[in-house]
């Protein structure tokens, strides 16, 4: 489960994280909504390079997420 922090209040994210933990569902809290922010959030919460979750983001991907 991916939670985008800019769109959630803290009181909304807490029960979602608790439910994910209770159901043993992997989750990541992302500070932003662009491609790079999601990539960093997934790496941070799901293990990064050590957990084989590292994603490659091209500059063009980030430009698309910013509407350029």
N, C-alpha and C. Protein backbone atom coordinates (compact mmCIF):
# COMPACT_ATOMS: atom_id res chain seq x y z
N UNK A 1 0.85 -1.15 0.00
CA UNK A 1 0.00 0.00 0.00
C UNK A 1 0.90 1.22 0.00
N UNK A 2 0.58 2.17 -0.86
CA UNK A 2 1.34 3.42 -0.94
C UNK A 2 0.44 4.55 -0.45
N UNK A 3 0.91 5.28 0.56
CA UNK A 3 0.17 6.42 1.11
C UNK A 3 0.88 7.70 0.68
N UNK A 4 0.17 8.58 0.02
CA UNK A 4 0.75 9.85 -0.42
C UNK A 4 0.45 10.91 0.64
N UNK A 5 1.46 11.26 1.41
CA UNK A 5 1.30 12.17 2.55
C UNK A 5 0.65 13.50 2.21
N UNK A 6 0.92 14.11 1.04
CA UNK A 6 0.29 15.40 0.76
C UNK A 6 -1.25 15.33 0.70
N UNK A 7 -1.78 14.14 0.54
CA UNK A 7 -3.23 13.99 0.40
C UNK A 7 -3.90 13.40 1.63
N UNK A 8 -3.14 13.20 2.71
CA UNK A 8 -3.69 12.57 3.92
C UNK A 8 -3.38 13.41 5.16
N UNK A 9 -4.33 13.44 6.08
CA UNK A 9 -4.06 13.98 7.40
C UNK A 9 -3.42 12.87 8.22
N UNK A 10 -2.67 13.25 9.24
CA UNK A 10 -2.03 12.26 10.11
C UNK A 10 -3.06 11.32 10.71
N UNK A 11 -4.22 11.85 11.07
CA UNK A 11 -5.26 11.01 11.67
C UNK A 11 -5.84 10.01 10.68
N UNK A 12 -5.70 10.28 9.39
CA UNK A 12 -6.16 9.33 8.37
C UNK A 12 -5.13 8.25 8.11
N UNK A 13 -3.86 8.61 8.15
CA UNK A 13 -2.82 7.64 7.81
C UNK A 13 -2.61 6.61 8.93
N UNK A 14 -2.76 7.02 10.18
CA UNK A 14 -2.52 6.09 11.29
C UNK A 14 -3.36 4.82 11.21
N UNK A 15 -4.70 4.90 11.02
CA UNK A 15 -5.48 3.66 10.95
C UNK A 15 -5.15 2.83 9.71
N UNK A 16 -4.78 3.49 8.62
CA UNK A 16 -4.41 2.74 7.41
C UNK A 16 -3.12 1.96 7.63
N UNK A 17 -2.14 2.60 8.25
CA UNK A 17 -0.88 1.92 8.54
C UNK A 17 -1.12 0.78 9.53
N UNK A 18 -1.92 1.02 10.54
CA UNK A 18 -2.23 -0.03 11.53
C UNK A 18 -2.91 -1.23 10.86
N UNK A 19 -3.84 -0.96 9.95
CA UNK A 19 -4.53 -2.05 9.25
C UNK A 19 -3.56 -2.82 8.35
N UNK A 20 -2.68 -2.10 7.67
CA UNK A 20 -1.70 -2.76 6.81
C UNK A 20 -0.77 -3.64 7.64
N UNK A 21 -0.30 -3.11 8.76
CA UNK A 21 0.57 -3.91 9.63
C UNK A 21 -0.17 -5.14 10.15
N UNK A 22 -1.43 -4.96 10.56
CA UNK A 22 -2.22 -6.06 11.09
C UNK A 22 -2.47 -7.16 10.07
N UNK A 23 -2.56 -6.78 8.79
CA UNK A 23 -2.80 -7.75 7.72
C UNK A 23 -1.50 -8.18 7.04
N UNK A 24 -0.37 -7.72 7.59
CA UNK A 24 0.94 -8.06 7.04
C UNK A 24 1.08 -7.61 5.58
N UNK A 25 0.57 -6.41 5.29
CA UNK A 25 0.64 -5.83 3.95
C UNK A 25 1.78 -4.81 3.93
N UNK A 26 2.71 -4.93 2.99
CA UNK A 26 3.77 -3.93 2.90
C UNK A 26 3.18 -2.54 2.62
N UNK A 27 3.77 -1.50 3.21
CA UNK A 27 3.24 -0.16 3.02
C UNK A 27 4.40 0.82 2.95
N UNK A 28 4.13 1.96 2.34
CA UNK A 28 5.12 3.03 2.25
C UNK A 28 4.41 4.37 2.34
N UNK A 29 4.94 5.26 3.15
CA UNK A 29 4.42 6.61 3.27
C UNK A 29 5.32 7.51 2.43
N UNK A 30 4.75 8.15 1.43
CA UNK A 30 5.52 8.93 0.46
C UNK A 30 5.29 10.42 0.70
N UNK A 31 6.39 11.16 0.84
CA UNK A 31 6.33 12.61 1.04
C UNK A 31 6.38 13.30 -0.32
N UNK A 32 5.27 13.32 -1.02
CA UNK A 32 5.20 13.93 -2.34
C UNK A 32 4.35 13.05 -3.24
N UNK A 33 4.28 13.43 -4.51
CA UNK A 33 3.47 12.64 -5.43
C UNK A 33 4.11 12.51 -6.80
N UNK A 34 5.30 13.02 -6.99
CA UNK A 34 6.01 12.85 -8.25
C UNK A 34 6.68 11.49 -8.31
N UNK A 35 7.19 11.15 -9.47
CA UNK A 35 7.84 9.85 -9.67
C UNK A 35 9.01 9.68 -8.72
N UNK A 36 9.84 10.70 -8.58
CA UNK A 36 11.02 10.60 -7.71
C UNK A 36 10.60 10.43 -6.25
N UNK A 37 9.56 11.13 -5.80
CA UNK A 37 9.10 11.01 -4.42
C UNK A 37 8.58 9.61 -4.14
N UNK A 38 7.82 9.06 -5.07
CA UNK A 38 7.30 7.70 -4.90
C UNK A 38 8.45 6.71 -4.88
N UNK A 39 9.42 6.87 -5.77
CA UNK A 39 10.60 5.98 -5.81
C UNK A 39 11.32 6.01 -4.46
N UNK A 40 11.58 7.21 -3.94
CA UNK A 40 12.29 7.32 -2.67
C UNK A 40 11.48 6.73 -1.52
N UNK A 41 10.17 6.96 -1.52
CA UNK A 41 9.31 6.40 -0.47
C UNK A 41 9.31 4.88 -0.48
N UNK A 42 9.23 4.29 -1.67
CA UNK A 42 9.25 2.83 -1.77
C UNK A 42 10.59 2.28 -1.30
N UNK A 43 11.67 2.91 -1.72
CA UNK A 43 12.99 2.44 -1.29
C UNK A 43 13.15 2.59 0.22
N UNK A 44 12.68 3.70 0.76
CA UNK A 44 12.84 3.96 2.19
C UNK A 44 12.07 2.96 3.04
N UNK A 45 10.82 2.72 2.69
CA UNK A 45 9.96 1.88 3.52
C UNK A 45 10.02 0.39 3.18
N UNK A 46 10.41 0.05 1.95
CA UNK A 46 10.38 -1.35 1.55
C UNK A 46 11.77 -1.95 1.36
N UNK A 47 12.79 -1.27 1.80
CA UNK A 47 14.11 -1.87 1.85
C UNK A 47 15.13 -1.36 0.87
N UNK A 48 14.74 -0.55 -0.08
CA UNK A 48 15.72 0.02 -1.01
C UNK A 48 16.52 -1.03 -1.74
N UNK A 49 17.75 -0.71 -2.02
CA UNK A 49 18.62 -1.61 -2.79
C UNK A 49 18.76 -2.98 -2.12
N UNK A 50 18.78 -2.98 -0.80
CA UNK A 50 18.93 -4.26 -0.09
C UNK A 50 17.71 -5.15 -0.26
N UNK A 51 16.53 -4.55 -0.50
CA UNK A 51 15.32 -5.33 -0.63
C UNK A 51 14.87 -5.52 -2.07
N UNK A 52 15.75 -5.23 -3.04
CA UNK A 52 15.42 -5.36 -4.46
C UNK A 52 14.20 -4.55 -4.85
N UNK A 53 14.04 -3.37 -4.25
CA UNK A 53 12.92 -2.51 -4.58
C UNK A 53 13.39 -1.27 -5.33
N UNK A 54 14.69 -1.16 -5.57
CA UNK A 54 15.23 0.02 -6.22
C UNK A 54 14.65 0.18 -7.61
N UNK A 55 14.15 1.36 -7.89
CA UNK A 55 13.54 1.66 -9.18
C UNK A 55 14.36 2.72 -9.89
N UNK A 56 14.46 2.60 -11.19
CA UNK A 56 15.20 3.57 -11.97
C UNK A 56 14.23 4.64 -12.46
N UNK A 57 14.55 5.90 -12.18
CA UNK A 57 13.71 7.01 -12.63
C UNK A 57 14.52 7.86 -13.59
N UNK A 58 13.98 8.05 -14.78
CA UNK A 58 14.61 8.90 -15.79
C UNK A 58 14.22 10.36 -15.54
N UNK A 59 15.04 11.28 -16.00
CA UNK A 59 14.68 12.69 -15.90
C UNK A 59 13.36 12.96 -16.61
N UNK A 60 13.13 12.26 -17.71
CA UNK A 60 11.88 12.47 -18.45
C UNK A 60 10.67 12.02 -17.63
N UNK A 61 10.82 10.98 -16.80
CA UNK A 61 9.73 10.54 -15.93
C UNK A 61 9.36 11.65 -14.94
N UNK A 62 10.37 12.26 -14.34
CA UNK A 62 10.14 13.31 -13.37
C UNK A 62 9.54 14.53 -14.05
N UNK A 63 9.97 14.85 -15.26
CA UNK A 63 9.42 15.98 -15.98
C UNK A 63 7.93 15.75 -16.28
N UNK A 64 7.57 14.53 -16.60
CA UNK A 64 6.16 14.21 -16.87
C UNK A 64 5.34 14.37 -15.60
N UNK A 65 5.89 13.95 -14.47
CA UNK A 65 5.14 14.05 -13.22
C UNK A 65 4.96 15.50 -12.80
N UNK A 66 5.83 16.39 -13.31
CA UNK A 66 5.70 17.83 -12.99
C UNK A 66 4.92 18.58 -14.06
N UNK A 67 4.46 17.86 -15.08
CA UNK A 67 3.65 18.47 -16.12
C UNK A 67 4.44 19.23 -17.17
N UNK A 68 5.70 18.85 -17.36
CA UNK A 68 6.53 19.54 -18.38
C UNK A 68 6.57 18.75 -19.66
